[in-house]
Amino acid sequence: MIGIVDYNMGNLASVRNAFGLLGEETVVESDPANFSKYEKLILPGVGAFGDAMEHLDERDMSEALRKYAKSGNYMLGICLGMQLLFESSQEFGEHKGLGLVKGHVQAFDTKKFDHPLKVPHMGWNRMFTKEHALFNGLDDEHYLYFVHSFHAVCDEPSDTIGRTEYGYSFTSAVAHDNILGIQPHPEKSHKNGLQILKNFIEL
């Protein structure tokens, strides 16, 4: 059974529906005391990092997620959920994250762009991936759907398993032991997105 963490930040229905298309039963879970009941957890999210951490803290979910991470069971952060896995974010000030992956989250540095690009980064883009079970069976070009203005920077290069080019190369997927994260939205990424979720189910 897979639990989808409900902390009032994001459209959980689309994530649950994507798993439903794969025949996988999920539970939208708002009680941190129940996290340990699930074989795997999904941490979704849309919005601002600071607001999200505030919501997690107010619901006693932050420590529950850290405890779950130590259990060895797989957790997948999606979009903002991936960014929350990191130690900190510079989005609208300095905010502490869950600290499950070493590194931080920063805004796109448009001064580094070799030509003008709009921020947020929105739409279909390619992910260049390392070999990892999360990416088994993807189309060769790995196009996925992105919507974000901030991106993660890993302290440990080995934690980056996917990179995407937008003005410059940035980390778009991470894996640190049982903690996984992807910046694009798999539930909006059609065949490749469903394949990533299928692979997560099978881990």
N, C-alpha and C. Protein backbone atom coordinates (compact mmCIF):
# COMPACT_ATOMS: atom_id res chain seq x y z
N MET A 1 0.84 -1.19 0.00
CA MET A 1 0.00 0.00 0.00
C MET A 1 0.88 1.25 0.00
N ILE A 2 0.51 2.22 -0.83
CA ILE A 2 1.24 3.47 -0.93
C ILE A 2 0.42 4.60 -0.32
N GLY A 3 1.05 5.39 0.54
CA GLY A 3 0.39 6.54 1.13
C GLY A 3 0.80 7.81 0.42
N ILE A 4 -0.16 8.70 0.17
CA ILE A 4 0.09 10.01 -0.41
C ILE A 4 -0.10 11.04 0.69
N VAL A 5 0.96 11.74 1.03
CA VAL A 5 0.93 12.65 2.17
C VAL A 5 0.08 13.88 1.85
N ASP A 6 -0.93 14.10 2.67
CA ASP A 6 -1.84 15.23 2.50
C ASP A 6 -1.53 16.27 3.56
N TYR A 7 -0.88 17.38 3.13
CA TYR A 7 -0.59 18.47 4.06
C TYR A 7 -1.14 19.79 3.51
N ASN A 8 -2.16 19.65 2.67
CA ASN A 8 -2.91 20.79 2.12
C ASN A 8 -2.04 21.67 1.21
N MET A 9 -1.18 21.02 0.42
CA MET A 9 -0.34 21.76 -0.54
C MET A 9 -0.28 20.99 -1.85
N GLY A 10 -1.30 21.13 -2.68
CA GLY A 10 -1.22 20.51 -3.99
C GLY A 10 -2.44 19.69 -4.34
N ASN A 11 -2.56 19.37 -5.62
CA ASN A 11 -3.67 18.58 -6.12
C ASN A 11 -3.34 17.09 -6.00
N LEU A 12 -3.81 16.48 -4.93
CA LEU A 12 -3.49 15.07 -4.68
C LEU A 12 -4.30 14.13 -5.57
N ALA A 13 -5.45 14.61 -6.04
CA ALA A 13 -6.33 13.75 -6.83
C ALA A 13 -5.64 13.28 -8.11
N SER A 14 -4.88 14.18 -8.77
CA SER A 14 -4.24 13.79 -10.02
C SER A 14 -3.16 12.74 -9.79
N VAL A 15 -2.45 12.83 -8.66
CA VAL A 15 -1.44 11.83 -8.34
C VAL A 15 -2.12 10.49 -8.06
N ARG A 16 -3.17 10.54 -7.28
CA ARG A 16 -3.88 9.30 -6.96
C ARG A 16 -4.49 8.67 -8.21
N ASN A 17 -5.03 9.51 -9.10
CA ASN A 17 -5.61 8.99 -10.34
C ASN A 17 -4.57 8.32 -11.22
N ALA A 18 -3.35 8.88 -11.23
CA ALA A 18 -2.27 8.28 -12.03
C ALA A 18 -1.94 6.88 -11.52
N PHE A 19 -1.88 6.72 -10.21
CA PHE A 19 -1.64 5.39 -9.65
C PHE A 19 -2.82 4.46 -9.95
N GLY A 20 -4.02 5.03 -9.94
CA GLY A 20 -5.20 4.24 -10.27
C GLY A 20 -5.14 3.67 -11.67
N LEU A 21 -4.60 4.46 -12.61
CA LEU A 21 -4.45 3.98 -13.99
C LEU A 21 -3.51 2.77 -14.06
N LEU A 22 -2.63 2.67 -13.09
CA LEU A 22 -1.69 1.55 -13.03
C LEU A 22 -2.22 0.40 -12.19
N GLY A 23 -3.45 0.55 -11.69
CA GLY A 23 -4.06 -0.50 -10.88
C GLY A 23 -3.52 -0.56 -9.46
N GLU A 24 -2.90 0.52 -9.00
CA GLU A 24 -2.30 0.53 -7.66
C GLU A 24 -3.20 1.31 -6.69
N GLU A 25 -3.53 0.68 -5.58
CA GLU A 25 -4.34 1.33 -4.57
C GLU A 25 -3.48 2.26 -3.73
N THR A 26 -3.97 3.46 -3.52
CA THR A 26 -3.27 4.43 -2.68
C THR A 26 -4.24 5.01 -1.66
N VAL A 27 -3.69 5.58 -0.61
CA VAL A 27 -4.49 6.25 0.42
C VAL A 27 -3.95 7.65 0.60
N VAL A 28 -4.82 8.65 0.53
CA VAL A 28 -4.43 10.02 0.85
C VAL A 28 -4.43 10.14 2.37
N GLU A 29 -3.24 10.33 2.94
CA GLU A 29 -3.07 10.23 4.40
C GLU A 29 -2.73 11.57 5.02
N SER A 30 -3.53 11.99 5.98
CA SER A 30 -3.31 13.26 6.67
C SER A 30 -2.89 13.09 8.12
N ASP A 31 -2.79 11.85 8.60
CA ASP A 31 -2.41 11.58 9.98
C ASP A 31 -0.99 11.02 10.01
N PRO A 32 -0.01 11.79 10.52
CA PRO A 32 1.37 11.32 10.52
C PRO A 32 1.58 10.05 11.34
N ALA A 33 0.69 9.78 12.28
CA ALA A 33 0.80 8.56 13.08
C ALA A 33 0.63 7.31 12.24
N ASN A 34 0.03 7.48 11.05
CA ASN A 34 -0.23 6.33 10.17
C ASN A 34 0.85 6.11 9.12
N PHE A 35 1.83 7.00 9.02
CA PHE A 35 2.82 6.88 7.96
C PHE A 35 3.51 5.52 7.97
N SER A 36 3.80 5.02 9.15
CA SER A 36 4.55 3.76 9.26
C SER A 36 3.78 2.56 8.73
N LYS A 37 2.50 2.73 8.49
CA LYS A 37 1.67 1.61 7.99
C LYS A 37 1.90 1.34 6.51
N TYR A 38 2.52 2.30 5.80
CA TYR A 38 2.62 2.20 4.35
C TYR A 38 3.98 1.66 3.92
N GLU A 39 3.94 0.85 2.86
CA GLU A 39 5.18 0.30 2.30
C GLU A 39 6.01 1.38 1.62
N LYS A 40 5.31 2.38 1.06
CA LYS A 40 5.96 3.50 0.38
C LYS A 40 5.14 4.76 0.63
N LEU A 41 5.81 5.91 0.54
CA LEU A 41 5.13 7.19 0.67
C LEU A 41 5.43 8.08 -0.53
N ILE A 42 4.42 8.86 -0.92
CA ILE A 42 4.57 9.91 -1.92
C ILE A 42 4.42 11.25 -1.22
N LEU A 43 5.39 12.15 -1.44
CA LEU A 43 5.30 13.51 -0.91
C LEU A 43 5.14 14.45 -2.09
N PRO A 44 3.89 14.80 -2.43
CA PRO A 44 3.66 15.71 -3.56
C PRO A 44 3.77 17.15 -3.07
N GLY A 45 3.46 18.10 -3.94
CA GLY A 45 3.45 19.48 -3.49
C GLY A 45 3.47 20.48 -4.62
N VAL A 46 2.69 21.54 -4.45
CA VAL A 46 2.66 22.68 -5.37
C VAL A 46 2.57 23.93 -4.51
N GLY A 47 3.41 24.92 -4.79
CA GLY A 47 3.36 26.16 -4.03
C GLY A 47 4.72 26.56 -3.53
N ALA A 48 4.75 27.34 -2.44
CA ALA A 48 5.99 27.89 -1.91
C ALA A 48 6.59 26.99 -0.84
N PHE A 49 7.91 26.89 -0.84
CA PHE A 49 8.64 26.01 0.07
C PHE A 49 8.34 26.35 1.54
N GLY A 50 8.43 27.63 1.90
CA GLY A 50 8.21 28.02 3.29
C GLY A 50 6.82 27.67 3.78
N ASP A 51 5.82 27.93 2.95
CA ASP A 51 4.44 27.58 3.32
C ASP A 51 4.31 26.07 3.52
N ALA A 52 4.93 25.31 2.62
CA ALA A 52 4.84 23.86 2.70
C ALA A 52 5.45 23.33 3.99
N MET A 53 6.64 23.82 4.36
CA MET A 53 7.27 23.37 5.60
C MET A 53 6.44 23.77 6.81
N GLU A 54 5.83 24.95 6.74
CA GLU A 54 4.96 25.38 7.84
C GLU A 54 3.78 24.43 8.00
N HIS A 55 3.20 24.03 6.88
CA HIS A 55 2.08 23.09 6.92
C HIS A 55 2.53 21.75 7.49
N LEU A 56 3.69 21.27 7.07
CA LEU A 56 4.20 19.99 7.58
C LEU A 56 4.47 20.08 9.08
N ASP A 57 5.10 21.17 9.50
CA ASP A 57 5.43 21.33 10.93
C ASP A 57 4.17 21.42 11.79
N GLU A 58 3.18 22.19 11.32
CA GLU A 58 1.95 22.36 12.09
C GLU A 58 1.20 21.05 12.28
N ARG A 59 1.37 20.12 11.34
CA ARG A 59 0.67 18.85 11.39
C ARG A 59 1.54 17.73 11.98
N ASP A 60 2.69 18.09 12.53
CA ASP A 60 3.65 17.12 13.11
C ASP A 60 4.12 16.10 12.08
N MET A 61 4.15 16.52 10.82
CA MET A 61 4.54 15.61 9.74
C MET A 61 6.04 15.62 9.47
N SER A 62 6.72 16.70 9.76
CA SER A 62 8.14 16.80 9.43
C SER A 62 8.94 15.70 10.12
N GLU A 63 8.76 15.58 11.44
CA GLU A 63 9.49 14.56 12.18
C GLU A 63 9.02 13.16 11.79
N ALA A 64 7.73 13.03 11.50
CA ALA A 64 7.20 11.73 11.08
C ALA A 64 7.82 11.29 9.75
N LEU A 65 8.05 12.23 8.85
CA LEU A 65 8.68 11.91 7.56
C LEU A 65 10.15 11.56 7.75
N ARG A 66 10.84 12.27 8.64
CA ARG A 66 12.24 11.94 8.93
C ARG A 66 12.35 10.54 9.54
N LYS A 67 11.43 10.23 10.43
CA LYS A 67 11.41 8.89 11.03
C LYS A 67 11.13 7.83 9.98
N TYR A 68 10.18 8.11 9.10
CA TYR A 68 9.85 7.16 8.03
C TYR A 68 11.07 6.93 7.14
N ALA A 69 11.81 7.98 6.84
CA ALA A 69 13.00 7.85 5.99
C ALA A 69 14.01 6.89 6.60
N LYS A 70 14.12 6.89 7.93
CA LYS A 70 15.07 6.01 8.61
C LYS A 70 14.63 4.55 8.60
N SER A 71 13.35 4.30 8.27
CA SER A 71 12.84 2.93 8.25
C SER A 71 13.39 2.13 7.08
N GLY A 72 13.90 2.83 6.07
CA GLY A 72 14.40 2.16 4.88
C GLY A 72 13.37 1.99 3.79
N ASN A 73 12.11 2.31 4.08
CA ASN A 73 11.07 2.24 3.05
C ASN A 73 11.23 3.41 2.09
N TYR A 74 10.79 3.20 0.85
CA TYR A 74 10.98 4.22 -0.17
C TYR A 74 10.00 5.39 -0.01
N MET A 75 10.52 6.58 -0.24
CA MET A 75 9.72 7.81 -0.28
C MET A 75 10.06 8.54 -1.56
N LEU A 76 9.03 9.04 -2.25
CA LEU A 76 9.23 9.78 -3.50
C LEU A 76 8.64 11.17 -3.37
N GLY A 77 9.50 12.19 -3.49
CA GLY A 77 9.04 13.57 -3.52
C GLY A 77 8.82 14.01 -4.95
N ILE A 78 7.70 14.69 -5.20
CA ILE A 78 7.34 15.14 -6.54
C ILE A 78 7.24 16.66 -6.55
N CYS A 79 7.96 17.30 -7.50
CA CYS A 79 7.95 18.75 -7.68
C CYS A 79 8.35 19.45 -6.38
N LEU A 80 7.48 20.24 -5.77
CA LEU A 80 7.82 20.87 -4.50
C LEU A 80 8.18 19.81 -3.46
N GLY A 81 7.54 18.65 -3.54
CA GLY A 81 7.85 17.56 -2.62
C GLY A 81 9.30 17.12 -2.71
N MET A 82 9.87 17.12 -3.91
CA MET A 82 11.30 16.82 -4.05
C MET A 82 12.13 17.90 -3.38
N GLN A 83 11.79 19.17 -3.58
CA GLN A 83 12.57 20.26 -3.00
C GLN A 83 12.55 20.21 -1.48
N LEU A 84 11.44 19.79 -0.88
CA LEU A 84 11.33 19.70 0.57
C LEU A 84 12.27 18.67 1.17
N LEU A 85 12.74 17.73 0.36
CA LEU A 85 13.67 16.71 0.85
C LEU A 85 15.02 17.32 1.23
N PHE A 86 15.32 18.50 0.72
CA PHE A 86 16.63 19.11 0.90
C PHE A 86 16.74 19.85 2.24
N GLU A 87 17.95 20.31 2.53
CA GLU A 87 18.22 20.94 3.83
C GLU A 87 17.63 22.34 3.94
N SER A 88 17.57 23.07 2.82
CA SER A 88 17.10 24.45 2.91
C SER A 88 16.67 24.95 1.54
N SER A 89 15.96 26.09 1.55
CA SER A 89 15.54 26.75 0.32
C SER A 89 15.67 28.25 0.49
N GLN A 90 16.00 28.91 -0.61
CA GLN A 90 16.11 30.37 -0.63
C GLN A 90 14.87 31.03 -1.22
N GLU A 91 13.77 30.30 -1.29
CA GLU A 91 12.54 30.83 -1.88
C GLU A 91 11.84 31.78 -0.90
N PHE A 92 11.82 33.08 -1.22
CA PHE A 92 11.20 34.09 -0.36
C PHE A 92 11.80 34.05 1.05
N GLY A 93 13.13 34.07 1.12
CA GLY A 93 13.81 34.00 2.41
C GLY A 93 14.50 32.66 2.58
N GLU A 94 15.08 32.44 3.74
CA GLU A 94 15.78 31.19 4.01
C GLU A 94 14.88 30.29 4.86
N HIS A 95 14.66 29.07 4.36
CA HIS A 95 13.76 28.14 5.05
C HIS A 95 14.44 26.79 5.21
N LYS A 96 14.26 26.18 6.36
CA LYS A 96 14.80 24.86 6.62
C LYS A 96 13.89 23.79 6.03
N GLY A 97 14.51 22.78 5.37
CA GLY A 97 13.75 21.68 4.80
C GLY A 97 13.82 20.43 5.67
N LEU A 98 13.46 19.30 5.09
CA LEU A 98 13.45 18.05 5.84
C LEU A 98 14.85 17.51 6.09
N GLY A 99 15.82 17.91 5.26
CA GLY A 99 17.19 17.49 5.47
C GLY A 99 17.47 16.03 5.15
N LEU A 100 16.70 15.43 4.26
CA LEU A 100 16.89 14.03 3.90
C LEU A 100 17.89 13.86 2.76
N VAL A 101 18.14 14.93 2.02
CA VAL A 101 19.15 14.98 0.96
C VAL A 101 20.00 16.22 1.21
N LYS A 102 21.31 16.07 1.18
CA LYS A 102 22.19 17.20 1.43
C LYS A 102 22.20 18.15 0.23
N GLY A 103 21.96 19.43 0.52
CA GLY A 103 21.94 20.43 -0.53
C GLY A 103 20.88 21.47 -0.25
N HIS A 104 20.64 22.34 -1.23
CA HIS A 104 19.69 23.43 -1.04
C HIS A 104 18.90 23.67 -2.32
N VAL A 105 17.92 24.53 -2.20
CA VAL A 105 17.05 24.90 -3.33
C VAL A 105 17.23 26.39 -3.60
N GLN A 106 17.42 26.74 -4.87
CA GLN A 106 17.64 28.13 -5.23
C GLN A 106 16.85 28.50 -6.48
N ALA A 107 16.71 29.80 -6.70
CA ALA A 107 16.03 30.28 -7.90
C ALA A 107 16.91 30.05 -9.12
N PHE A 108 16.29 29.94 -10.28
CA PHE A 108 17.06 29.92 -11.52
C PHE A 108 17.88 31.21 -11.59
N ASP A 109 19.17 31.05 -11.86
CA ASP A 109 20.06 32.20 -12.00
C ASP A 109 20.03 32.64 -13.46
N THR A 110 19.15 33.59 -13.77
CA THR A 110 18.96 33.99 -15.16
C THR A 110 20.20 34.68 -15.74
N LYS A 111 21.13 35.13 -14.88
CA LYS A 111 22.37 35.73 -15.35
C LYS A 111 23.26 34.70 -16.04
N LYS A 112 23.02 33.43 -15.75
CA LYS A 112 23.82 32.36 -16.35
C LYS A 112 23.22 31.87 -17.66
N PHE A 113 22.01 32.32 -17.99
CA PHE A 113 21.37 31.87 -19.22
C PHE A 113 22.12 32.45 -20.43
N ASP A 114 22.36 31.60 -21.42
CA ASP A 114 23.07 32.09 -22.61
C ASP A 114 22.13 32.78 -23.59
N HIS A 115 20.81 32.67 -23.35
CA HIS A 115 19.83 33.44 -24.12
C HIS A 115 18.58 33.59 -23.25
N PRO A 116 17.75 34.60 -23.49
CA PRO A 116 16.60 34.86 -22.61
C PRO A 116 15.61 33.70 -22.57
N LEU A 117 15.23 33.31 -21.37
CA LEU A 117 14.23 32.27 -21.16
C LEU A 117 13.28 32.74 -20.06
N LYS A 118 12.04 32.31 -20.16
CA LYS A 118 11.05 32.70 -19.17
C LYS A 118 11.18 31.83 -17.92
N VAL A 119 10.99 32.45 -16.78
CA VAL A 119 10.87 31.75 -15.51
C VAL A 119 9.50 32.10 -14.95
N PRO A 120 8.67 31.12 -14.58
CA PRO A 120 9.02 29.72 -14.33
C PRO A 120 9.32 28.91 -15.60
N HIS A 121 10.09 27.86 -15.38
CA HIS A 121 10.34 26.83 -16.38
C HIS A 121 9.06 26.01 -16.46
N MET A 122 8.39 26.09 -17.59
CA MET A 122 7.08 25.45 -17.71
C MET A 122 6.96 24.74 -19.06
N GLY A 123 6.54 23.49 -19.00
CA GLY A 123 6.29 22.73 -20.23
C GLY A 123 7.14 21.48 -20.30
N TRP A 124 7.20 20.92 -21.50
CA TRP A 124 7.90 19.66 -21.72
C TRP A 124 9.39 19.88 -21.89
N ASN A 125 10.19 19.07 -21.22
CA ASN A 125 11.63 19.15 -21.36
C ASN A 125 12.22 17.76 -21.13
N ARG A 126 13.43 17.62 -21.61
CA ARG A 126 14.09 16.33 -21.56
C ARG A 126 14.85 16.15 -20.25
N MET A 127 14.83 14.94 -19.70
CA MET A 127 15.63 14.61 -18.54
C MET A 127 16.74 13.64 -18.97
N PHE A 128 17.98 14.01 -18.65
CA PHE A 128 19.12 13.14 -18.92
C PHE A 128 19.40 12.35 -17.65
N THR A 129 19.27 11.04 -17.72
CA THR A 129 19.25 10.24 -16.50
C THR A 129 20.46 9.32 -16.38
N LYS A 130 20.82 9.06 -15.11
CA LYS A 130 21.74 7.98 -14.81
C LYS A 130 20.94 6.67 -14.77
N GLU A 131 21.65 5.57 -14.81
CA GLU A 131 20.97 4.28 -14.70
C GLU A 131 20.41 4.13 -13.29
N HIS A 132 19.10 3.97 -13.22
CA HIS A 132 18.43 3.80 -11.92
C HIS A 132 17.10 3.11 -12.18
N ALA A 133 16.68 2.28 -11.24
CA ALA A 133 15.44 1.51 -11.42
C ALA A 133 14.23 2.41 -11.62
N LEU A 134 14.27 3.64 -11.14
CA LEU A 134 13.15 4.56 -11.30
C LEU A 134 12.91 4.92 -12.77
N PHE A 135 13.93 4.73 -13.60
CA PHE A 135 13.85 5.14 -15.00
C PHE A 135 13.78 3.95 -15.98
N ASN A 136 13.59 2.76 -15.48
CA ASN A 136 13.49 1.59 -16.36
C ASN A 136 12.35 1.76 -17.36
N GLY A 137 12.63 1.47 -18.63
CA GLY A 137 11.58 1.43 -19.63
C GLY A 137 11.11 2.76 -20.17
N LEU A 138 11.80 3.85 -19.83
CA LEU A 138 11.39 5.15 -20.37
C LEU A 138 11.74 5.26 -21.85
N ASP A 139 11.00 6.10 -22.58
CA ASP A 139 11.38 6.42 -23.95
C ASP A 139 12.79 6.98 -23.97
N ASP A 140 13.49 6.81 -25.09
CA ASP A 140 14.89 7.22 -25.17
C ASP A 140 15.10 8.69 -24.81
N GLU A 141 14.16 9.56 -25.16
CA GLU A 141 14.38 10.99 -24.97
C GLU A 141 13.86 11.52 -23.63
N HIS A 142 13.11 10.71 -22.89
CA HIS A 142 12.74 11.06 -21.51
C HIS A 142 12.10 12.44 -21.36
N TYR A 143 11.17 12.81 -22.21
CA TYR A 143 10.52 14.11 -22.06
C TYR A 143 9.45 14.03 -20.96
N LEU A 144 9.47 15.03 -20.06
CA LEU A 144 8.56 15.09 -18.92
C LEU A 144 8.06 16.52 -18.76
N TYR A 145 7.00 16.69 -17.95
CA TYR A 145 6.36 18.00 -17.82
C TYR A 145 6.80 18.72 -16.55
N PHE A 146 7.31 19.95 -16.71
CA PHE A 146 7.85 20.75 -15.61
C PHE A 146 7.03 22.02 -15.38
N VAL A 147 6.95 22.43 -14.11
CA VAL A 147 6.44 23.75 -13.75
C VAL A 147 7.16 24.17 -12.46
N HIS A 148 8.17 25.04 -12.56
CA HIS A 148 8.89 25.46 -11.35
C HIS A 148 9.78 26.66 -11.65
N SER A 149 10.04 27.45 -10.58
CA SER A 149 10.92 28.62 -10.67
C SER A 149 12.21 28.42 -9.87
N PHE A 150 12.25 27.38 -9.03
CA PHE A 150 13.40 27.07 -8.19
C PHE A 150 13.86 25.65 -8.48
N HIS A 151 15.14 25.40 -8.24
CA HIS A 151 15.65 24.05 -8.50
C HIS A 151 16.64 23.64 -7.42
N ALA A 152 16.84 22.36 -7.29
CA ALA A 152 17.71 21.81 -6.25
C ALA A 152 19.17 21.80 -6.69
N VAL A 153 20.05 21.90 -5.71
CA VAL A 153 21.49 21.77 -5.90
C VAL A 153 21.98 20.76 -4.88
N CYS A 154 22.50 19.62 -5.34
CA CYS A 154 22.97 18.57 -4.44
C CYS A 154 24.40 18.84 -3.98
N ASP A 155 24.66 18.63 -2.69
CA ASP A 155 26.04 18.69 -2.19
C ASP A 155 26.84 17.49 -2.65
N GLU A 156 26.18 16.34 -2.74
CA GLU A 156 26.82 15.10 -3.17
C GLU A 156 26.43 14.82 -4.62
N PRO A 157 27.36 14.93 -5.57
CA PRO A 157 27.02 14.69 -6.98
C PRO A 157 26.36 13.35 -7.24
N SER A 158 26.70 12.34 -6.44
CA SER A 158 26.15 11.00 -6.65
C SER A 158 24.65 10.95 -6.35
N ASP A 159 24.12 11.95 -5.62
CA ASP A 159 22.68 11.97 -5.33
C ASP A 159 21.86 12.41 -6.54
N THR A 160 22.48 13.04 -7.51
CA THR A 160 21.78 13.47 -8.72
C THR A 160 21.68 12.31 -9.70
N ILE A 161 20.46 11.90 -10.02
CA ILE A 161 20.27 10.81 -10.99
C ILE A 161 19.59 11.30 -12.26
N GLY A 162 19.17 12.57 -12.29
CA GLY A 162 18.59 13.15 -13.49
C GLY A 162 18.94 14.62 -13.59
N ARG A 163 19.24 15.07 -14.81
CA ARG A 163 19.55 16.48 -15.05
C ARG A 163 18.74 16.96 -16.24
N THR A 164 18.42 18.26 -16.23
CA THR A 164 17.64 18.87 -17.30
C THR A 164 18.29 20.20 -17.67
N GLU A 165 18.23 20.55 -18.95
CA GLU A 165 18.80 21.81 -19.44
C GLU A 165 17.70 22.86 -19.55
N TYR A 166 17.88 23.95 -18.81
CA TYR A 166 17.03 25.13 -19.00
C TYR A 166 17.87 26.35 -18.65
N GLY A 167 18.49 26.93 -19.64
CA GLY A 167 19.46 28.00 -19.40
C GLY A 167 20.81 27.44 -19.00
N TYR A 168 20.80 26.42 -18.19
CA TYR A 168 21.98 25.65 -17.79
C TYR A 168 21.48 24.31 -17.24
N SER A 169 22.39 23.41 -16.96
CA SER A 169 22.02 22.09 -16.47
C SER A 169 21.72 22.16 -14.97
N PHE A 170 20.57 21.58 -14.58
CA PHE A 170 20.22 21.56 -13.16
C PHE A 170 19.73 20.16 -12.77
N THR A 171 19.78 19.88 -11.47
CA THR A 171 19.32 18.59 -10.94
C THR A 171 17.81 18.50 -11.03
N SER A 172 17.31 17.47 -11.71
CA SER A 172 15.87 17.30 -11.82
C SER A 172 15.38 15.96 -11.26
N ALA A 173 16.29 15.14 -10.75
CA ALA A 173 15.91 13.91 -10.06
C ALA A 173 17.03 13.52 -9.11
N VAL A 174 16.64 13.01 -7.95
CA VAL A 174 17.63 12.64 -6.93
C VAL A 174 17.32 11.28 -6.35
N ALA A 175 18.36 10.65 -5.82
CA ALA A 175 18.21 9.40 -5.08
C ALA A 175 19.30 9.33 -4.03
N HIS A 176 18.89 9.23 -2.79
CA HIS A 176 19.82 9.03 -1.68
C HIS A 176 19.29 7.87 -0.86
N ASP A 177 19.89 6.70 -1.08
CA ASP A 177 19.39 5.47 -0.45
C ASP A 177 17.92 5.28 -0.82
N ASN A 178 17.03 5.29 0.16
CA ASN A 178 15.60 5.04 -0.09
C ASN A 178 14.80 6.32 -0.35
N ILE A 179 15.49 7.46 -0.40
CA ILE A 179 14.83 8.74 -0.60
C ILE A 179 15.00 9.17 -2.05
N LEU A 180 13.88 9.33 -2.75
CA LEU A 180 13.88 9.66 -4.17
C LEU A 180 13.10 10.95 -4.40
N GLY A 181 13.46 11.65 -5.46
CA GLY A 181 12.72 12.86 -5.80
C GLY A 181 12.82 13.18 -7.28
N ILE A 182 11.73 13.70 -7.83
CA ILE A 182 11.72 14.14 -9.23
C ILE A 182 11.05 15.51 -9.31
N GLN A 183 11.70 16.43 -10.04
CA GLN A 183 11.17 17.78 -10.19
C GLN A 183 9.95 17.84 -11.11
N PRO A 184 9.93 17.13 -12.24
CA PRO A 184 8.74 17.18 -13.11
C PRO A 184 7.56 16.46 -12.47
N HIS A 185 6.39 16.68 -13.06
CA HIS A 185 5.16 16.04 -12.59
C HIS A 185 4.92 14.75 -13.38
N PRO A 186 5.12 13.58 -12.79
CA PRO A 186 4.86 12.34 -13.54
C PRO A 186 3.39 12.17 -13.89
N GLU A 187 2.50 12.69 -13.03
CA GLU A 187 1.07 12.53 -13.27
C GLU A 187 0.60 13.36 -14.46
N LYS A 188 1.46 14.29 -14.94
CA LYS A 188 1.13 15.11 -16.10
C LYS A 188 2.00 14.77 -17.31
N SER A 189 2.82 13.73 -17.16
CA SER A 189 3.84 13.42 -18.17
C SER A 189 3.51 12.20 -19.02
N HIS A 190 2.23 11.86 -19.09
CA HIS A 190 1.75 10.81 -19.98
C HIS A 190 2.52 9.50 -19.79
N LYS A 191 2.93 8.88 -20.87
CA LYS A 191 3.51 7.53 -20.84
C LYS A 191 4.76 7.46 -19.96
N ASN A 192 5.67 8.40 -20.13
CA ASN A 192 6.90 8.35 -19.35
C ASN A 192 6.63 8.58 -17.86
N GLY A 193 5.71 9.48 -17.55
CA GLY A 193 5.38 9.72 -16.15
C GLY A 193 4.78 8.50 -15.49
N LEU A 194 3.87 7.84 -16.19
CA LEU A 194 3.27 6.62 -15.64
C LEU A 194 4.32 5.53 -15.48
N GLN A 195 5.29 5.48 -16.39
CA GLN A 195 6.34 4.47 -16.28
C GLN A 195 7.18 4.71 -15.02
N ILE A 196 7.47 5.97 -14.71
CA ILE A 196 8.22 6.29 -13.49
C ILE A 196 7.44 5.84 -12.25
N LEU A 197 6.13 6.12 -12.23
CA LEU A 197 5.32 5.69 -11.09
C LEU A 197 5.23 4.18 -11.00
N LYS A 198 5.14 3.51 -12.15
CA LYS A 198 5.13 2.04 -12.18
C LYS A 198 6.44 1.50 -11.61
N ASN A 199 7.54 2.12 -12.00
CA ASN A 199 8.84 1.69 -11.48
C ASN A 199 8.93 1.89 -9.97
N PHE A 200 8.35 2.99 -9.48
CA PHE A 200 8.35 3.24 -8.04
C PHE A 200 7.57 2.16 -7.31
N ILE A 201 6.43 1.78 -7.88
CA ILE A 201 5.63 0.71 -7.28
C ILE A 201 6.44 -0.57 -7.15
N GLU A 202 7.26 -0.83 -8.16
CA GLU A 202 7.98 -2.11 -8.24
C GLU A 202 9.32 -2.12 -7.48
N LEU A 203 9.73 -0.98 -6.92
CA LEU A 203 10.99 -0.95 -6.17
C LEU A 203 10.92 -1.88 -4.95
